[in-house]
Amino acid sequence: MKKIFDASQFVATQWEGPEQKAKFANHFVHFIESGYNANLFHKWFYTRLSNTFGHIAHYNVFGFYDTWFSDREKQKHFLRHTLNSGGYGDPAYTYSDVEKVLKAYLKNYTEKGESYKLL
């Protein structure tokens, strides 16, 4: 997995260090670029993702995956939702700093004409 983000880009929260934020951000990109590979949708990733970008937890990891990633239309909806949500709050208490860099990454990726790889 390529590492686009590193811990120096993020602020620690009271509960997690910047290393965990970088790990999540890099895995987020890896998961999307993999074509939403279900084998990469780990429980830890689901737990964090369900608490970012205005998401809510589902009954379980499988329900969340089915809701957002089980077909192309759902994947497109996920990307639209992600680009239009998140980035609010104090990064010492939230993942708002991570949400901002991921939104910028996705926006840049789309503007470069590479969105076909995501969609």
N, C-alpha and C. Protein backbone atom coordinates (compact mmCIF):
# COMPACT_ATOMS: atom_id res chain seq x y z
N MET A 1 0.85 -1.17 0.00
CA MET A 1 0.00 0.00 0.00
C MET A 1 0.89 1.23 0.00
N LYS A 2 0.65 2.14 -0.96
CA LYS A 2 1.42 3.37 -0.99
C LYS A 2 0.97 4.29 0.14
N LYS A 3 1.92 5.07 0.63
CA LYS A 3 1.62 5.99 1.72
C LYS A 3 1.64 7.41 1.17
N ILE A 4 0.47 7.98 1.08
CA ILE A 4 0.32 9.35 0.59
C ILE A 4 0.41 10.33 1.75
N PHE A 5 -0.10 9.91 2.89
CA PHE A 5 -0.19 10.77 4.07
C PHE A 5 0.74 10.26 5.16
N ASP A 6 1.25 11.19 5.96
CA ASP A 6 2.05 10.78 7.11
C ASP A 6 1.57 11.52 8.36
N ALA A 7 2.01 11.05 9.48
CA ALA A 7 1.53 11.54 10.77
C ALA A 7 1.74 13.05 10.96
N SER A 8 2.77 13.60 10.32
CA SER A 8 3.06 15.02 10.49
C SER A 8 1.94 15.93 9.96
N GLN A 9 1.05 15.38 9.17
CA GLN A 9 -0.06 16.15 8.61
C GLN A 9 -1.26 16.26 9.54
N PHE A 10 -1.23 15.51 10.64
CA PHE A 10 -2.42 15.41 11.48
C PHE A 10 -2.14 15.77 12.94
N VAL A 11 -3.20 16.14 13.61
CA VAL A 11 -3.17 16.50 15.02
C VAL A 11 -3.64 15.30 15.83
N ALA A 12 -2.98 15.04 16.92
CA ALA A 12 -3.42 13.96 17.81
C ALA A 12 -4.74 14.33 18.48
N THR A 13 -5.56 13.34 18.71
CA THR A 13 -6.76 13.56 19.52
C THR A 13 -6.42 13.10 20.94
N GLN A 14 -7.38 13.24 21.82
CA GLN A 14 -7.16 12.75 23.19
C GLN A 14 -7.08 11.23 23.23
N TRP A 15 -7.59 10.57 22.18
CA TRP A 15 -7.72 9.12 22.19
C TRP A 15 -6.76 8.43 21.23
N GLU A 16 -6.32 9.14 20.19
CA GLU A 16 -5.45 8.52 19.19
C GLU A 16 -4.38 9.50 18.73
N GLY A 17 -3.27 8.95 18.35
CA GLY A 17 -2.18 9.77 17.84
C GLY A 17 -2.32 10.05 16.35
N PRO A 18 -1.49 10.92 15.83
CA PRO A 18 -1.53 11.23 14.41
C PRO A 18 -1.17 10.04 13.52
N GLU A 19 -0.47 9.07 14.08
CA GLU A 19 -0.12 7.87 13.30
C GLU A 19 -1.38 7.09 12.91
N GLN A 20 -2.35 7.01 13.83
CA GLN A 20 -3.60 6.31 13.52
C GLN A 20 -4.41 7.06 12.47
N LYS A 21 -4.35 8.38 12.53
CA LYS A 21 -5.05 9.19 11.52
C LYS A 21 -4.42 8.95 10.14
N ALA A 22 -3.10 8.92 10.08
CA ALA A 22 -2.41 8.67 8.81
C ALA A 22 -2.72 7.27 8.30
N LYS A 23 -2.74 6.31 9.20
CA LYS A 23 -3.06 4.93 8.81
C LYS A 23 -4.46 4.87 8.18
N PHE A 24 -5.43 5.52 8.81
CA PHE A 24 -6.79 5.54 8.28
C PHE A 24 -6.83 6.23 6.91
N ALA A 25 -6.20 7.39 6.80
CA ALA A 25 -6.22 8.13 5.53
C ALA A 25 -5.61 7.32 4.40
N ASN A 26 -4.49 6.68 4.64
CA ASN A 26 -3.84 5.86 3.61
C ASN A 26 -4.69 4.64 3.26
N HIS A 27 -5.30 4.04 4.25
CA HIS A 27 -6.14 2.88 3.97
C HIS A 27 -7.40 3.28 3.20
N PHE A 28 -7.96 4.43 3.52
CA PHE A 28 -9.12 4.96 2.80
C PHE A 28 -8.81 5.04 1.31
N VAL A 29 -7.68 5.65 0.96
CA VAL A 29 -7.28 5.78 -0.44
C VAL A 29 -7.05 4.41 -1.06
N HIS A 30 -6.36 3.56 -0.35
CA HIS A 30 -6.08 2.21 -0.85
C HIS A 30 -7.38 1.45 -1.11
N PHE A 31 -8.32 1.54 -0.19
CA PHE A 31 -9.61 0.87 -0.34
C PHE A 31 -10.36 1.37 -1.57
N ILE A 32 -10.42 2.66 -1.76
CA ILE A 32 -11.14 3.21 -2.92
C ILE A 32 -10.43 2.84 -4.21
N GLU A 33 -9.13 3.01 -4.25
CA GLU A 33 -8.38 2.70 -5.47
C GLU A 33 -8.39 1.21 -5.79
N SER A 34 -8.69 0.38 -4.81
CA SER A 34 -8.77 -1.07 -5.04
C SER A 34 -10.10 -1.44 -5.70
N GLY A 35 -10.97 -0.46 -5.86
CA GLY A 35 -12.31 -0.77 -6.38
C GLY A 35 -13.25 -1.22 -5.29
N TYR A 36 -12.98 -0.76 -4.05
CA TYR A 36 -13.82 -1.08 -2.89
C TYR A 36 -13.75 -2.57 -2.55
N ASN A 37 -12.57 -3.10 -2.61
CA ASN A 37 -12.33 -4.52 -2.33
C ASN A 37 -12.81 -4.86 -0.92
N ALA A 38 -13.78 -5.75 -0.85
CA ALA A 38 -14.36 -6.14 0.44
C ALA A 38 -13.31 -6.73 1.39
N ASN A 39 -12.27 -7.34 0.86
CA ASN A 39 -11.22 -7.90 1.71
C ASN A 39 -10.42 -6.83 2.45
N LEU A 40 -10.51 -5.58 1.99
CA LEU A 40 -9.82 -4.47 2.64
C LEU A 40 -10.73 -3.71 3.60
N PHE A 41 -11.98 -4.12 3.69
CA PHE A 41 -12.93 -3.43 4.55
C PHE A 41 -12.91 -4.06 5.94
N HIS A 42 -11.80 -3.82 6.63
CA HIS A 42 -11.58 -4.39 7.95
C HIS A 42 -12.48 -3.74 9.00
N LYS A 43 -12.67 -4.46 10.10
CA LYS A 43 -13.51 -3.94 11.18
C LYS A 43 -12.99 -2.61 11.71
N TRP A 44 -11.70 -2.46 11.91
CA TRP A 44 -11.15 -1.20 12.41
C TRP A 44 -11.44 -0.06 11.44
N PHE A 45 -11.36 -0.36 10.14
CA PHE A 45 -11.60 0.66 9.13
C PHE A 45 -13.08 1.05 9.12
N TYR A 46 -13.96 0.06 9.18
CA TYR A 46 -15.40 0.33 9.27
C TYR A 46 -15.72 1.19 10.49
N THR A 47 -15.15 0.84 11.62
CA THR A 47 -15.44 1.58 12.86
C THR A 47 -15.08 3.05 12.71
N ARG A 48 -13.91 3.34 12.17
CA ARG A 48 -13.49 4.72 11.99
C ARG A 48 -14.31 5.41 10.89
N LEU A 49 -14.49 4.74 9.76
CA LEU A 49 -15.23 5.34 8.64
C LEU A 49 -16.66 5.67 9.04
N SER A 50 -17.26 4.84 9.85
CA SER A 50 -18.64 5.07 10.26
C SER A 50 -18.76 6.27 11.20
N ASN A 51 -17.62 6.80 11.63
CA ASN A 51 -17.60 7.99 12.49
C ASN A 51 -16.99 9.20 11.80
N THR A 52 -16.89 9.16 10.49
CA THR A 52 -16.38 10.29 9.72
C THR A 52 -17.37 10.63 8.62
N PHE A 53 -17.19 11.81 8.04
CA PHE A 53 -17.99 12.28 6.91
C PHE A 53 -19.50 12.21 7.16
N GLY A 54 -19.89 12.36 8.39
CA GLY A 54 -21.32 12.37 8.72
C GLY A 54 -22.00 11.02 8.65
N HIS A 55 -21.22 9.96 8.57
CA HIS A 55 -21.80 8.61 8.54
C HIS A 55 -22.30 8.22 9.92
N ILE A 56 -23.10 7.21 9.92
CA ILE A 56 -23.52 6.58 11.17
C ILE A 56 -23.22 5.10 11.06
N ALA A 57 -23.02 4.48 12.18
CA ALA A 57 -22.76 3.05 12.19
C ALA A 57 -24.03 2.31 11.76
N HIS A 58 -23.86 1.22 11.09
CA HIS A 58 -24.97 0.34 10.73
C HIS A 58 -25.00 -0.79 11.75
N TYR A 59 -25.83 -1.75 11.52
CA TYR A 59 -25.89 -2.87 12.46
C TYR A 59 -24.55 -3.59 12.56
N ASN A 60 -23.83 -3.62 11.45
CA ASN A 60 -22.53 -4.28 11.46
C ASN A 60 -21.75 -3.87 10.21
N VAL A 61 -20.53 -4.35 10.12
CA VAL A 61 -19.65 -4.02 9.02
C VAL A 61 -20.26 -4.41 7.67
N PHE A 62 -20.98 -5.51 7.63
CA PHE A 62 -21.57 -5.99 6.37
C PHE A 62 -22.70 -5.08 5.89
N GLY A 63 -23.50 -4.59 6.82
CA GLY A 63 -24.57 -3.67 6.46
C GLY A 63 -24.04 -2.36 5.92
N PHE A 64 -22.97 -1.84 6.52
CA PHE A 64 -22.35 -0.61 6.04
C PHE A 64 -21.79 -0.82 4.64
N TYR A 65 -21.06 -1.92 4.46
CA TYR A 65 -20.48 -2.21 3.15
C TYR A 65 -21.58 -2.32 2.09
N ASP A 66 -22.63 -3.04 2.39
CA ASP A 66 -23.72 -3.20 1.44
C ASP A 66 -24.36 -1.86 1.09
N THR A 67 -24.54 -1.00 2.06
CA THR A 67 -25.18 0.29 1.86
C THR A 67 -24.36 1.20 0.94
N TRP A 68 -23.05 1.17 1.06
CA TRP A 68 -22.21 2.13 0.35
C TRP A 68 -21.36 1.58 -0.79
N PHE A 69 -21.08 0.28 -0.81
CA PHE A 69 -20.07 -0.20 -1.75
C PHE A 69 -20.45 -1.39 -2.61
N SER A 70 -21.64 -1.93 -2.47
CA SER A 70 -21.97 -3.19 -3.13
C SER A 70 -22.25 -3.07 -4.63
N ASP A 71 -22.42 -1.86 -5.15
CA ASP A 71 -22.54 -1.69 -6.61
C ASP A 71 -22.06 -0.30 -7.00
N ARG A 72 -21.92 -0.06 -8.30
CA ARG A 72 -21.35 1.20 -8.80
C ARG A 72 -22.16 2.43 -8.38
N GLU A 73 -23.46 2.35 -8.41
CA GLU A 73 -24.29 3.49 -8.02
C GLU A 73 -24.08 3.84 -6.55
N LYS A 74 -23.99 2.85 -5.71
CA LYS A 74 -23.75 3.09 -4.29
C LYS A 74 -22.36 3.69 -4.07
N GLN A 75 -21.38 3.23 -4.84
CA GLN A 75 -20.03 3.76 -4.74
C GLN A 75 -19.99 5.23 -5.17
N LYS A 76 -20.69 5.57 -6.23
CA LYS A 76 -20.77 6.96 -6.66
C LYS A 76 -21.43 7.82 -5.60
N HIS A 77 -22.49 7.29 -5.01
CA HIS A 77 -23.18 8.01 -3.94
C HIS A 77 -22.24 8.23 -2.76
N PHE A 78 -21.44 7.22 -2.42
CA PHE A 78 -20.47 7.35 -1.34
C PHE A 78 -19.49 8.48 -1.63
N LEU A 79 -18.96 8.53 -2.84
CA LEU A 79 -17.99 9.58 -3.17
C LEU A 79 -18.63 10.96 -3.13
N ARG A 80 -19.85 11.09 -3.66
CA ARG A 80 -20.55 12.38 -3.60
C ARG A 80 -20.78 12.78 -2.15
N HIS A 81 -21.23 11.84 -1.34
CA HIS A 81 -21.46 12.10 0.08
C HIS A 81 -20.16 12.53 0.77
N THR A 82 -19.09 11.85 0.49
CA THR A 82 -17.79 12.14 1.10
C THR A 82 -17.32 13.54 0.71
N LEU A 83 -17.45 13.88 -0.55
CA LEU A 83 -16.99 15.19 -1.01
C LEU A 83 -17.83 16.34 -0.45
N ASN A 84 -19.05 16.05 -0.06
CA ASN A 84 -19.96 17.08 0.44
C ASN A 84 -20.14 17.06 1.95
N SER A 85 -19.40 16.25 2.66
CA SER A 85 -19.57 16.11 4.11
C SER A 85 -18.23 16.23 4.82
N GLY A 86 -18.29 16.37 6.11
CA GLY A 86 -17.09 16.31 6.93
C GLY A 86 -16.21 17.54 6.89
N GLY A 87 -15.15 17.46 7.65
CA GLY A 87 -14.19 18.53 7.73
C GLY A 87 -14.51 19.57 8.78
N TYR A 88 -15.44 19.27 9.67
CA TYR A 88 -15.87 20.21 10.69
C TYR A 88 -15.36 19.77 12.06
N GLY A 89 -15.17 20.72 12.91
CA GLY A 89 -14.78 20.40 14.28
C GLY A 89 -13.29 20.60 14.52
N ASP A 90 -12.94 20.46 15.75
CA ASP A 90 -11.57 20.62 16.20
C ASP A 90 -10.82 19.30 16.00
N PRO A 91 -9.72 19.32 15.23
CA PRO A 91 -9.00 18.06 14.97
C PRO A 91 -8.40 17.42 16.22
N ALA A 92 -8.37 18.14 17.32
CA ALA A 92 -7.91 17.54 18.58
C ALA A 92 -8.98 16.63 19.17
N TYR A 93 -10.20 16.72 18.63
CA TYR A 93 -11.31 15.90 19.12
C TYR A 93 -11.97 15.07 18.03
N THR A 94 -11.68 15.39 16.77
CA THR A 94 -12.33 14.72 15.64
C THR A 94 -11.29 14.34 14.59
N TYR A 95 -11.76 13.73 13.53
CA TYR A 95 -10.93 13.43 12.37
C TYR A 95 -11.13 14.48 11.28
N SER A 96 -11.50 15.70 11.67
CA SER A 96 -11.77 16.74 10.68
C SER A 96 -10.56 17.05 9.81
N ASP A 97 -9.37 16.97 10.36
CA ASP A 97 -8.17 17.21 9.56
C ASP A 97 -7.99 16.11 8.52
N VAL A 98 -8.31 14.90 8.88
CA VAL A 98 -8.23 13.77 7.94
C VAL A 98 -9.31 13.93 6.85
N GLU A 99 -10.51 14.28 7.27
CA GLU A 99 -11.59 14.47 6.31
C GLU A 99 -11.21 15.53 5.27
N LYS A 100 -10.59 16.60 5.71
CA LYS A 100 -10.21 17.68 4.79
C LYS A 100 -9.18 17.20 3.77
N VAL A 101 -8.15 16.49 4.21
CA VAL A 101 -7.13 16.04 3.26
C VAL A 101 -7.67 14.97 2.32
N LEU A 102 -8.58 14.13 2.81
CA LEU A 102 -9.16 13.11 1.93
C LEU A 102 -10.08 13.75 0.89
N LYS A 103 -10.83 14.75 1.29
CA LYS A 103 -11.67 15.46 0.33
C LYS A 103 -10.81 16.15 -0.73
N ALA A 104 -9.73 16.77 -0.31
CA ALA A 104 -8.82 17.42 -1.26
C ALA A 104 -8.20 16.39 -2.20
N TYR A 105 -7.82 15.25 -1.67
CA TYR A 105 -7.26 14.18 -2.49
C TYR A 105 -8.27 13.73 -3.54
N LEU A 106 -9.52 13.49 -3.11
CA LEU A 106 -10.54 13.02 -4.04
C LEU A 106 -10.87 14.09 -5.08
N LYS A 107 -10.92 15.34 -4.66
CA LYS A 107 -11.19 16.44 -5.59
C LYS A 107 -10.08 16.53 -6.63
N ASN A 108 -8.86 16.49 -6.19
CA ASN A 108 -7.71 16.55 -7.08
C ASN A 108 -7.70 15.36 -8.03
N TYR A 109 -7.99 14.21 -7.53
CA TYR A 109 -8.03 12.99 -8.33
C TYR A 109 -9.08 13.12 -9.43
N THR A 110 -10.23 13.68 -9.08
CA THR A 110 -11.32 13.86 -10.03
C THR A 110 -10.95 14.92 -11.07
N GLU A 111 -10.36 16.02 -10.64
CA GLU A 111 -9.99 17.10 -11.55
C GLU A 111 -8.91 16.68 -12.53
N LYS A 112 -8.06 15.74 -12.15
CA LYS A 112 -7.02 15.26 -13.06
C LYS A 112 -7.60 14.31 -14.11
N GLY A 113 -8.91 14.10 -14.06
CA GLY A 113 -9.54 13.23 -15.04
C GLY A 113 -9.37 11.76 -14.74
N GLU A 114 -8.99 11.43 -13.53
CA GLU A 114 -8.77 10.04 -13.16
C GLU A 114 -9.94 9.45 -12.39
N SER A 115 -11.04 10.17 -12.36
CA SER A 115 -12.19 9.70 -11.58
C SER A 115 -12.73 8.39 -12.12
N TYR A 116 -12.46 8.08 -13.38
CA TYR A 116 -12.91 6.82 -13.93
C TYR A 116 -12.35 5.63 -13.14
N LYS A 117 -11.19 5.84 -12.52
CA LYS A 117 -10.60 4.78 -11.70
C LYS A 117 -11.39 4.59 -10.41
N LEU A 118 -12.01 5.66 -9.95
CA LEU A 118 -12.79 5.58 -8.72
C LEU A 118 -14.21 5.16 -8.99
N LEU A 119 -14.74 5.58 -10.12
CA LEU A 119 -16.13 5.30 -10.44
C LEU A 119 -16.18 4.26 -11.51
